Amino acid sequence: MTRDELADLDDRDELYRRLKAYEGRTASSGGKGRDPVNEPMIRHWCEAMGDTNPAYPGIAPPTMLQAWTMAGLTGRPGGSARSNAYLELLALLDRAGCASVVATDCEQEYLRPLRPGDQVVFDAVIESVSPRKTTKLGTGYFVTTRMNVRTGDGELVGTHRFRILKYAPARPKRDPVPKREREREPVPGREPTSEREPVPGREPVRERGAKADQRPRRPRPVINRDNAGFWEGVTRHQLLIQRCLDCAAPRFPWLPGCGTCGSARWEAVEASGVGTVFSYVVMHHPPFPAFDPPYAVGLIELAEGVRMVSGITGVPYDKVRIGMPVELEFQRVDEDLELPVFRGTDQEAVV
């Protein structure tokens, strides 16, 4: 190991010692929910999530815990701003080159259900800072905060751990020979036979009407062992959902266990592809290079009773309506990616 590498390790050790000193310090304090726990918010949540548990809205779904603490579009409630210690920690990481941030996961613990009328108060502590980690995104540190949620009388009702990665982005590996230069290399012993073949030192001729710059590729789906079967179905032009083998409840997106009875036994079932628009949004901003706003994104309720988010085709974005009938089709996005989308079948709106 070189002297410079040893010095770099010393610097990292010193940085980590400074980061660890923030563990246990306050991240925020004095937070108060903007509204008491209330039935309208519970109803809206349950309708959006499709949760028909008869216990609601007499009590709030446990997974709403964070919703009662959120600041909304106008900013954080008075007294719940981030502490100086937390801001110092983030600034220290910024100065160390870890200026990028991504939320990685959260954990919640529920001690008792919240009921309409409960006033929520909360505070948060910096629970832990990890050693230096290298990920595909880059190298940095995981910072975990723990929020304690209480009622106005001080009773602890739940905790919410939130983890972020502050990191320096990984540098992409560069090809020592640029692609354009490789395209220009002549084939040994062969002369170019037409103007459309690559000629050394000359830009390749583009087909008439081709765009000067190719459209950026769509983001790739994240495929893992839990949802691989769904994407295998897409390659066969099948829309596959899951059905529990114990209670027969259908589910989507794909999950390892049944949300109704908890069973891990299931089978894949091909959906009919017929559905209606349960809800939708029209995307204007922010712009994404691979998309042409404005465009509609729908929450589609399938005939089988499950819902999925998808693009809506065949209908102008301003003609999409809740309740509009739609049918499945598969859209070729690029040479490597095909996606299930839904075409509007409302004859008054179809183009």
Protein backbone atom coordinates (compact mmCIF):
# COMPACT_ATOMS: atom_id res chain seq x y z
CA MET A 1 0.00 0.00 0.00
CA THR A 2 1.38 3.40 -0.99
CA ARG A 3 1.89 6.36 1.33
CA ASP A 4 -0.97 8.24 -0.42
CA GLU A 5 -3.33 5.28 0.09
CA LEU A 6 -2.41 5.12 3.79
CA ALA A 7 -3.06 8.86 4.13
CA ASP A 8 -6.43 8.41 2.41
CA LEU A 9 -7.38 5.69 4.90
CA ASP A 10 -6.41 7.98 7.78
CA ASP A 11 -8.65 10.71 6.35
CA ARG A 12 -11.56 8.26 6.04
CA ASP A 13 -11.10 7.08 9.63
CA GLU A 14 -11.09 10.66 10.87
CA LEU A 15 -14.23 11.50 8.85
CA TYR A 16 -16.02 8.44 10.22
CA ARG A 17 -15.09 9.38 13.81
CA ARG A 18 -16.57 12.82 13.24
CA LEU A 19 -19.73 11.35 11.70
CA LYS A 20 -20.21 8.87 14.56
CA ALA A 21 -20.13 11.74 17.04
CA TYR A 22 -23.56 12.81 15.75
CA GLU A 23 -25.24 9.54 16.74
CA GLY A 24 -27.82 10.10 19.47
CA ARG A 25 -28.19 13.81 18.74
CA THR A 26 -31.51 15.41 17.92
CA ALA A 27 -32.56 15.46 14.24
CA SER A 28 -35.79 17.42 14.83
CA SER A 29 -37.99 18.24 17.79
CA GLY A 30 -41.27 19.86 18.72
CA GLY A 31 -43.15 18.51 15.72
CA LYS A 32 -46.93 18.59 15.73
CA GLY A 33 -49.30 17.11 13.17
CA ARG A 34 -51.07 19.68 11.04
CA ASP A 35 -54.43 18.07 11.82
CA PRO A 36 -55.70 15.67 14.45
CA VAL A 37 -56.29 12.12 13.28
CA ASN A 38 -59.58 12.35 11.37
CA GLU A 39 -62.05 10.18 9.48
CA PRO A 40 -61.95 12.01 6.10
CA MET A 41 -58.20 11.46 5.72
CA ILE A 42 -58.60 7.82 6.77
CA ARG A 43 -61.37 7.30 4.18
CA HIS A 44 -59.31 8.92 1.40
CA TRP A 45 -56.30 6.77 2.29
CA CYS A 46 -58.36 3.56 2.32
CA GLU A 47 -60.03 4.39 -1.00
CA ALA A 48 -56.66 5.11 -2.63
CA MET A 49 -55.14 1.91 -1.24
CA GLY A 50 -58.20 -0.24 -1.85
CA ASP A 51 -58.30 -1.21 1.84
CA THR A 52 -61.80 -2.31 2.87
CA ASN A 53 -60.99 -3.38 6.44
CA PRO A 54 -64.19 -2.72 8.42
CA ALA A 55 -62.14 -1.42 11.38
CA TYR A 56 -61.49 1.78 9.39
CA PRO A 57 -62.23 4.69 9.87
CA GLY A 58 -62.92 3.86 13.52
CA ILE A 59 -59.14 3.59 13.82
CA ALA A 60 -56.42 4.72 11.43
CA PRO A 61 -54.52 2.14 9.35
CA PRO A 62 -51.14 1.64 11.05
CA THR A 63 -49.29 2.40 7.80
CA MET A 64 -50.68 5.95 7.92
CA LEU A 65 -48.28 6.66 10.80
CA GLN A 66 -46.01 8.94 8.78
CA ALA A 67 -48.94 10.66 7.03
CA TRP A 68 -49.96 12.40 10.27
CA THR A 69 -46.46 13.93 10.59
CA MET A 70 -45.97 15.17 7.03
CA ALA A 71 -45.56 18.87 6.39
CA GLY A 72 -47.48 19.28 3.12
CA LEU A 73 -46.64 21.63 0.29
CA THR A 74 -46.42 24.75 2.46
CA GLY A 75 -43.52 23.56 4.61
CA ARG A 76 -42.91 21.95 7.96
CA PRO A 77 -45.21 22.66 10.91
CA GLY A 78 -43.83 25.15 13.39
CA GLY A 79 -41.14 23.77 15.67
CA SER A 80 -40.39 20.63 13.63
CA ALA A 81 -37.55 21.95 11.48
CA ARG A 82 -34.34 19.96 11.17
CA SER A 83 -31.94 20.54 14.03
CA ASN A 84 -28.59 22.26 13.68
CA ALA A 85 -26.89 18.94 14.46
CA TYR A 86 -28.60 17.20 11.55
CA LEU A 87 -27.81 20.07 9.17
CA GLU A 88 -24.16 19.98 10.32
CA LEU A 89 -24.00 16.24 9.65
CA LEU A 90 -25.32 16.69 6.12
CA ALA A 91 -22.94 19.59 5.48
CA LEU A 92 -19.99 17.51 6.69
CA LEU A 93 -20.88 14.78 4.22
CA ASP A 94 -21.29 17.35 1.44
CA ARG A 95 -17.80 18.72 2.09
CA ALA A 96 -16.42 15.16 2.01
CA GLY A 97 -17.76 14.79 -1.55
CA CYS A 98 -20.93 12.88 -0.61
CA ALA A 99 -23.31 15.51 -1.96
CA SER A 100 -25.78 13.14 -3.64
CA VAL A 101 -28.60 11.58 -1.65
CA VAL A 102 -31.11 8.77 -2.13
CA ALA A 103 -33.70 7.39 0.27
CA THR A 104 -33.12 3.65 0.66
CA ASP A 105 -35.71 2.22 3.05
CA CYS A 106 -37.84 2.77 6.13
CA GLU A 107 -39.03 0.65 9.06
CA GLN A 108 -42.09 1.27 11.20
CA GLU A 109 -43.18 -0.16 14.55
CA TYR A 110 -46.76 0.22 15.78
CA LEU A 111 -47.51 0.20 19.52
CA ARG A 112 -51.18 1.13 19.48
CA PRO A 113 -53.65 2.29 16.80
CA LEU A 114 -54.37 5.96 16.34
CA ARG A 115 -58.01 7.01 16.62
CA PRO A 116 -59.94 10.01 15.28
CA GLY A 117 -59.31 12.95 17.58
CA ASP A 118 -55.76 11.96 18.57
CA GLN A 119 -53.30 14.85 18.21
CA VAL A 120 -49.92 13.63 16.98
CA VAL A 121 -46.60 15.07 18.17
CA PHE A 122 -43.17 13.81 17.18
CA ASP A 123 -39.43 14.24 17.39
CA ALA A 124 -36.49 12.50 15.72
CA VAL A 125 -32.97 11.45 16.63
CA ILE A 126 -29.91 10.58 14.54
CA GLU A 127 -29.81 6.87 15.34
CA SER A 128 -26.79 5.66 13.36
CA VAL A 129 -24.21 6.46 10.68
CA SER A 130 -22.76 3.46 8.87
CA PRO A 131 -19.12 2.89 7.98
CA ARG A 132 -18.13 3.88 4.46
CA LYS A 133 -19.97 1.70 1.92
CA THR A 134 -19.53 1.20 -1.81
CA THR A 135 -22.71 0.65 -3.85
CA LYS A 136 -23.57 0.68 -7.53
CA LEU A 137 -24.64 4.31 -7.13
CA GLY A 138 -21.35 5.31 -5.55
CA THR A 139 -19.46 5.37 -2.25
CA GLY A 140 -20.83 7.00 0.87
CA TYR A 141 -22.53 6.60 4.25
CA PHE A 142 -25.99 5.40 5.34
CA VAL A 143 -27.64 7.77 7.82
CA THR A 144 -30.61 6.48 9.84
CA THR A 145 -32.99 8.70 11.79
CA ARG A 146 -35.66 7.43 14.19
CA MET A 147 -38.87 9.38 14.61
CA ASN A 148 -40.88 8.79 17.79
CA VAL A 149 -44.59 9.47 17.29
CA ARG A 150 -46.70 10.23 20.35
CA THR A 151 -50.15 11.47 21.20
CA GLY A 152 -50.57 14.82 22.88
CA ASP A 153 -50.48 13.24 26.35
CA GLY A 154 -47.02 11.78 25.65
CA GLU A 155 -48.00 8.16 24.92
CA LEU A 156 -45.66 6.53 22.38
CA VAL A 157 -47.77 5.08 19.55
CA GLY A 158 -45.11 4.19 16.96
CA THR A 159 -41.62 4.69 15.60
CA HIS A 160 -40.48 5.44 12.06
CA ARG A 161 -36.89 4.74 10.99
CA PHE A 162 -35.84 6.44 7.77
CA ARG A 163 -32.54 5.66 6.05
CA ILE A 164 -30.74 7.65 3.38
CA LEU A 165 -27.47 7.14 1.53
CA LYS A 166 -25.27 10.22 1.19
CA TYR A 167 -22.77 9.35 -1.50
CA ALA A 168 -20.28 10.45 -4.14
CA PRO A 169 -21.59 9.19 -7.51
CA ALA A 170 -19.59 6.40 -9.13
CA ARG A 171 -17.71 7.45 -12.22
CA PRO A 172 -18.82 5.58 -15.35
CA LYS A 173 -16.18 3.37 -16.92
CA ARG A 174 -14.94 4.94 -20.12
CA ASP A 175 -14.19 2.94 -23.25
CA PRO A 176 -10.58 3.71 -24.25
CA VAL A 177 -11.73 3.74 -27.91
CA PRO A 178 -14.81 5.93 -28.48
CA LYS A 179 -17.66 4.16 -30.25
CA ARG A 180 -17.61 6.64 -33.11
CA GLU A 181 -13.93 5.93 -33.74
CA ARG A 182 -14.60 2.18 -33.74
CA GLU A 183 -17.32 2.70 -36.33
CA ARG A 184 -14.84 4.54 -38.55
CA GLU A 185 -12.22 1.80 -38.50
CA PRO A 186 -11.94 0.21 -41.98
CA VAL A 187 -12.14 -3.53 -42.40
CA PRO A 188 -8.62 -4.83 -43.24
CA GLY A 189 -8.28 -5.68 -46.93
CA ARG A 190 -11.63 -4.21 -47.86
CA GLU A 191 -12.50 -0.91 -49.51
CA PRO A 192 -15.76 0.88 -48.70
CA THR A 193 -18.30 -0.05 -51.35
CA SER A 194 -20.81 2.81 -50.96
CA GLU A 195 -21.23 6.24 -49.47
CA ARG A 196 -23.30 4.72 -46.67
CA GLU A 197 -20.47 2.58 -45.36
CA PRO A 198 -18.13 4.07 -42.75
CA VAL A 199 -15.20 5.86 -44.34
CA PRO A 200 -12.08 6.63 -42.28
CA GLY A 201 -12.06 10.26 -41.23
CA ARG A 202 -15.60 10.91 -42.45
CA GLU A 203 -18.84 11.09 -40.47
CA PRO A 204 -21.20 8.19 -41.28
CA VAL A 205 -24.08 9.18 -43.55
CA ARG A 206 -27.43 9.13 -41.79
CA GLU A 207 -30.61 7.84 -43.35
CA ARG A 208 -32.82 10.56 -44.79
CA GLY A 209 -35.25 11.82 -42.17
CA ALA A 210 -33.42 10.29 -39.21
CA LYS A 211 -33.13 12.54 -36.18
CA ALA A 212 -29.71 14.00 -35.48
CA ASP A 213 -29.93 12.85 -31.87
CA GLN A 214 -31.54 9.58 -30.89
CA ARG A 215 -34.20 9.69 -28.17
CA PRO A 216 -32.87 8.66 -24.72
CA ARG A 217 -33.94 5.19 -23.64
CA ARG A 218 -36.78 4.63 -21.19
CA PRO A 219 -35.77 3.63 -17.64
CA ARG A 220 -35.40 -0.13 -17.35
CA PRO A 221 -37.75 -2.08 -15.02
CA VAL A 222 -36.20 -3.47 -11.85
CA ILE A 223 -36.53 -7.26 -12.13
CA ASN A 224 -36.00 -9.43 -9.07
CA ARG A 225 -36.92 -12.91 -7.87
CA ASP A 226 -40.33 -11.71 -6.67
CA ASN A 227 -41.49 -10.22 -9.99
CA ALA A 228 -39.43 -12.09 -12.60
CA GLY A 229 -42.47 -14.21 -13.54
CA PHE A 230 -44.45 -11.10 -14.43
CA TRP A 231 -41.79 -9.85 -16.85
CA GLU A 232 -41.40 -13.32 -18.37
CA GLY A 233 -45.12 -13.14 -19.12
CA VAL A 234 -44.68 -9.76 -20.79
CA THR A 235 -42.16 -11.27 -23.21
CA ARG A 236 -44.92 -13.74 -24.21
CA HIS A 237 -47.55 -10.96 -24.43
CA GLN A 238 -49.30 -12.20 -21.30
CA LEU A 239 -50.39 -10.01 -18.40
CA LEU A 240 -49.89 -12.27 -15.38
CA ILE A 241 -51.27 -11.58 -11.90
CA GLN A 242 -51.06 -13.76 -8.80
CA ARG A 243 -53.85 -15.70 -7.10
CA CYS A 244 -53.59 -17.09 -3.59
CA LEU A 245 -54.00 -20.86 -3.45
CA ASP A 246 -55.55 -20.71 0.02
CA CYS A 247 -58.06 -17.84 -0.08
CA ALA A 248 -58.17 -17.28 -3.89
CA ALA A 249 -57.54 -13.52 -3.50
CA PRO A 250 -55.95 -12.00 -6.62
CA ARG A 251 -53.05 -9.60 -6.19
CA PHE A 252 -50.85 -7.20 -8.09
CA PRO A 253 -48.06 -6.10 -8.02
CA TRP A 254 -46.35 -9.42 -7.49
CA LEU A 255 -45.48 -10.18 -3.87
CA PRO A 256 -44.14 -13.26 -2.07
CA GLY A 257 -47.12 -13.51 0.30
CA CYS A 258 -50.87 -12.92 0.31
CA GLY A 259 -51.95 -9.65 1.86
CA THR A 260 -55.36 -11.09 2.73
CA CYS A 261 -54.53 -14.34 4.54
CA GLY A 262 -50.71 -14.31 4.70
CA SER A 263 -50.26 -17.51 2.70
CA ALA A 264 -47.05 -17.97 0.70
CA ARG A 265 -48.78 -20.34 -1.76
CA TRP A 266 -49.86 -18.82 -5.05
CA GLU A 267 -50.24 -19.39 -8.78
CA ALA A 268 -49.85 -17.13 -11.81
CA VAL A 269 -53.05 -16.33 -13.71
CA GLU A 270 -53.32 -14.56 -17.06
CA ALA A 271 -55.53 -11.48 -16.79
CA SER A 272 -58.12 -10.79 -19.46
CA GLY A 273 -56.63 -7.38 -20.20
CA VAL A 274 -59.99 -5.64 -19.84
CA GLY A 275 -60.35 -2.84 -17.32
CA THR A 276 -61.36 0.73 -16.54
CA VAL A 277 -59.52 3.89 -15.52
CA PHE A 278 -59.80 4.03 -11.73
CA SER A 279 -57.74 7.24 -11.48
CA TYR A 280 -55.18 9.10 -13.58
CA VAL A 281 -52.76 12.03 -13.69
CA VAL A 282 -51.55 14.12 -16.61
CA MET A 283 -47.77 14.58 -16.48
CA HIS A 284 -46.53 18.06 -17.42
CA HIS A 285 -43.50 18.54 -15.17
CA PRO A 286 -40.78 17.66 -14.51
CA PRO A 287 -39.79 16.71 -18.07
CA PHE A 288 -38.07 13.37 -18.71
CA PRO A 289 -35.94 13.07 -21.86
CA ALA A 290 -37.51 9.75 -22.92
CA PHE A 291 -41.10 11.06 -22.71
CA ASP A 292 -43.10 13.75 -24.51
CA PRO A 293 -45.29 15.68 -22.04
CA PRO A 294 -48.12 16.14 -21.56
CA TYR A 295 -49.19 12.51 -21.29
CA ALA A 296 -51.62 10.52 -19.15
CA VAL A 297 -50.65 7.86 -16.61
CA GLY A 298 -53.53 5.79 -15.30
CA LEU A 299 -54.34 3.57 -12.35
CA ILE A 300 -56.15 0.78 -14.18
CA GLU A 301 -58.63 -1.45 -12.40
CA LEU A 302 -58.66 -4.83 -14.12
CA ALA A 303 -61.73 -7.02 -14.43
CA GLU A 304 -60.04 -9.44 -12.01
CA GLY A 305 -60.20 -6.81 -9.24
CA VAL A 306 -56.56 -5.69 -9.03
CA ARG A 307 -55.09 -2.35 -10.08
CA MET A 308 -51.90 -1.43 -11.89
CA VAL A 309 -50.22 1.78 -13.02
CA SER A 310 -49.78 2.05 -16.77
CA GLY A 311 -49.61 4.38 -19.72
CA ILE A 312 -52.85 5.11 -21.59
CA THR A 313 -52.75 5.05 -25.37
CA GLY A 314 -55.17 5.77 -28.18
CA VAL A 315 -56.80 8.67 -26.33
CA PRO A 316 -55.67 12.33 -26.14
CA TYR A 317 -54.37 13.09 -22.65
CA ASP A 318 -57.17 15.61 -22.07
CA LYS A 319 -59.86 13.09 -23.00
CA VAL A 320 -58.97 10.47 -20.39
CA ARG A 321 -61.73 10.08 -17.82
CA ILE A 322 -62.32 8.04 -14.67
CA GLY A 323 -64.41 5.00 -15.56
CA MET A 324 -63.22 4.95 -19.19
CA PRO A 325 -63.00 1.36 -20.51
CA VAL A 326 -59.53 0.24 -21.62
CA GLU A 327 -57.97 -2.85 -23.16
CA LEU A 328 -54.47 -4.26 -22.86
CA GLU A 329 -51.90 -3.92 -25.61
CA PHE A 330 -48.13 -4.30 -25.66
CA GLN A 331 -46.05 -1.32 -26.77
CA ARG A 332 -42.58 -1.68 -28.22
CA VAL A 333 -40.60 1.13 -26.57
CA ASP A 334 -37.20 0.32 -28.08
CA GLU A 335 -35.30 -2.67 -29.42
CA ASP A 336 -34.89 -4.13 -25.92
CA LEU A 337 -38.06 -3.15 -24.09
CA GLU A 338 -41.76 -3.88 -24.52
CA LEU A 339 -44.31 -2.75 -21.95
CA PRO A 340 -47.98 -3.49 -21.20
CA VAL A 341 -50.13 -0.39 -21.72
CA PHE A 342 -53.87 0.18 -22.00
CA ARG A 343 -55.70 1.59 -25.01
CA GLY A 344 -58.84 3.61 -24.42
CA THR A 345 -61.93 2.06 -25.96
CA ASP A 346 -64.29 5.00 -25.46
CA GLN A 347 -65.29 5.67 -29.07
CA GLU A 348 -65.94 9.36 -28.41
CA ALA A 349 -62.36 9.89 -27.25
CA VAL A 350 -60.34 7.35 -29.28
CA VAL A 351 -58.10 8.72 -32.02
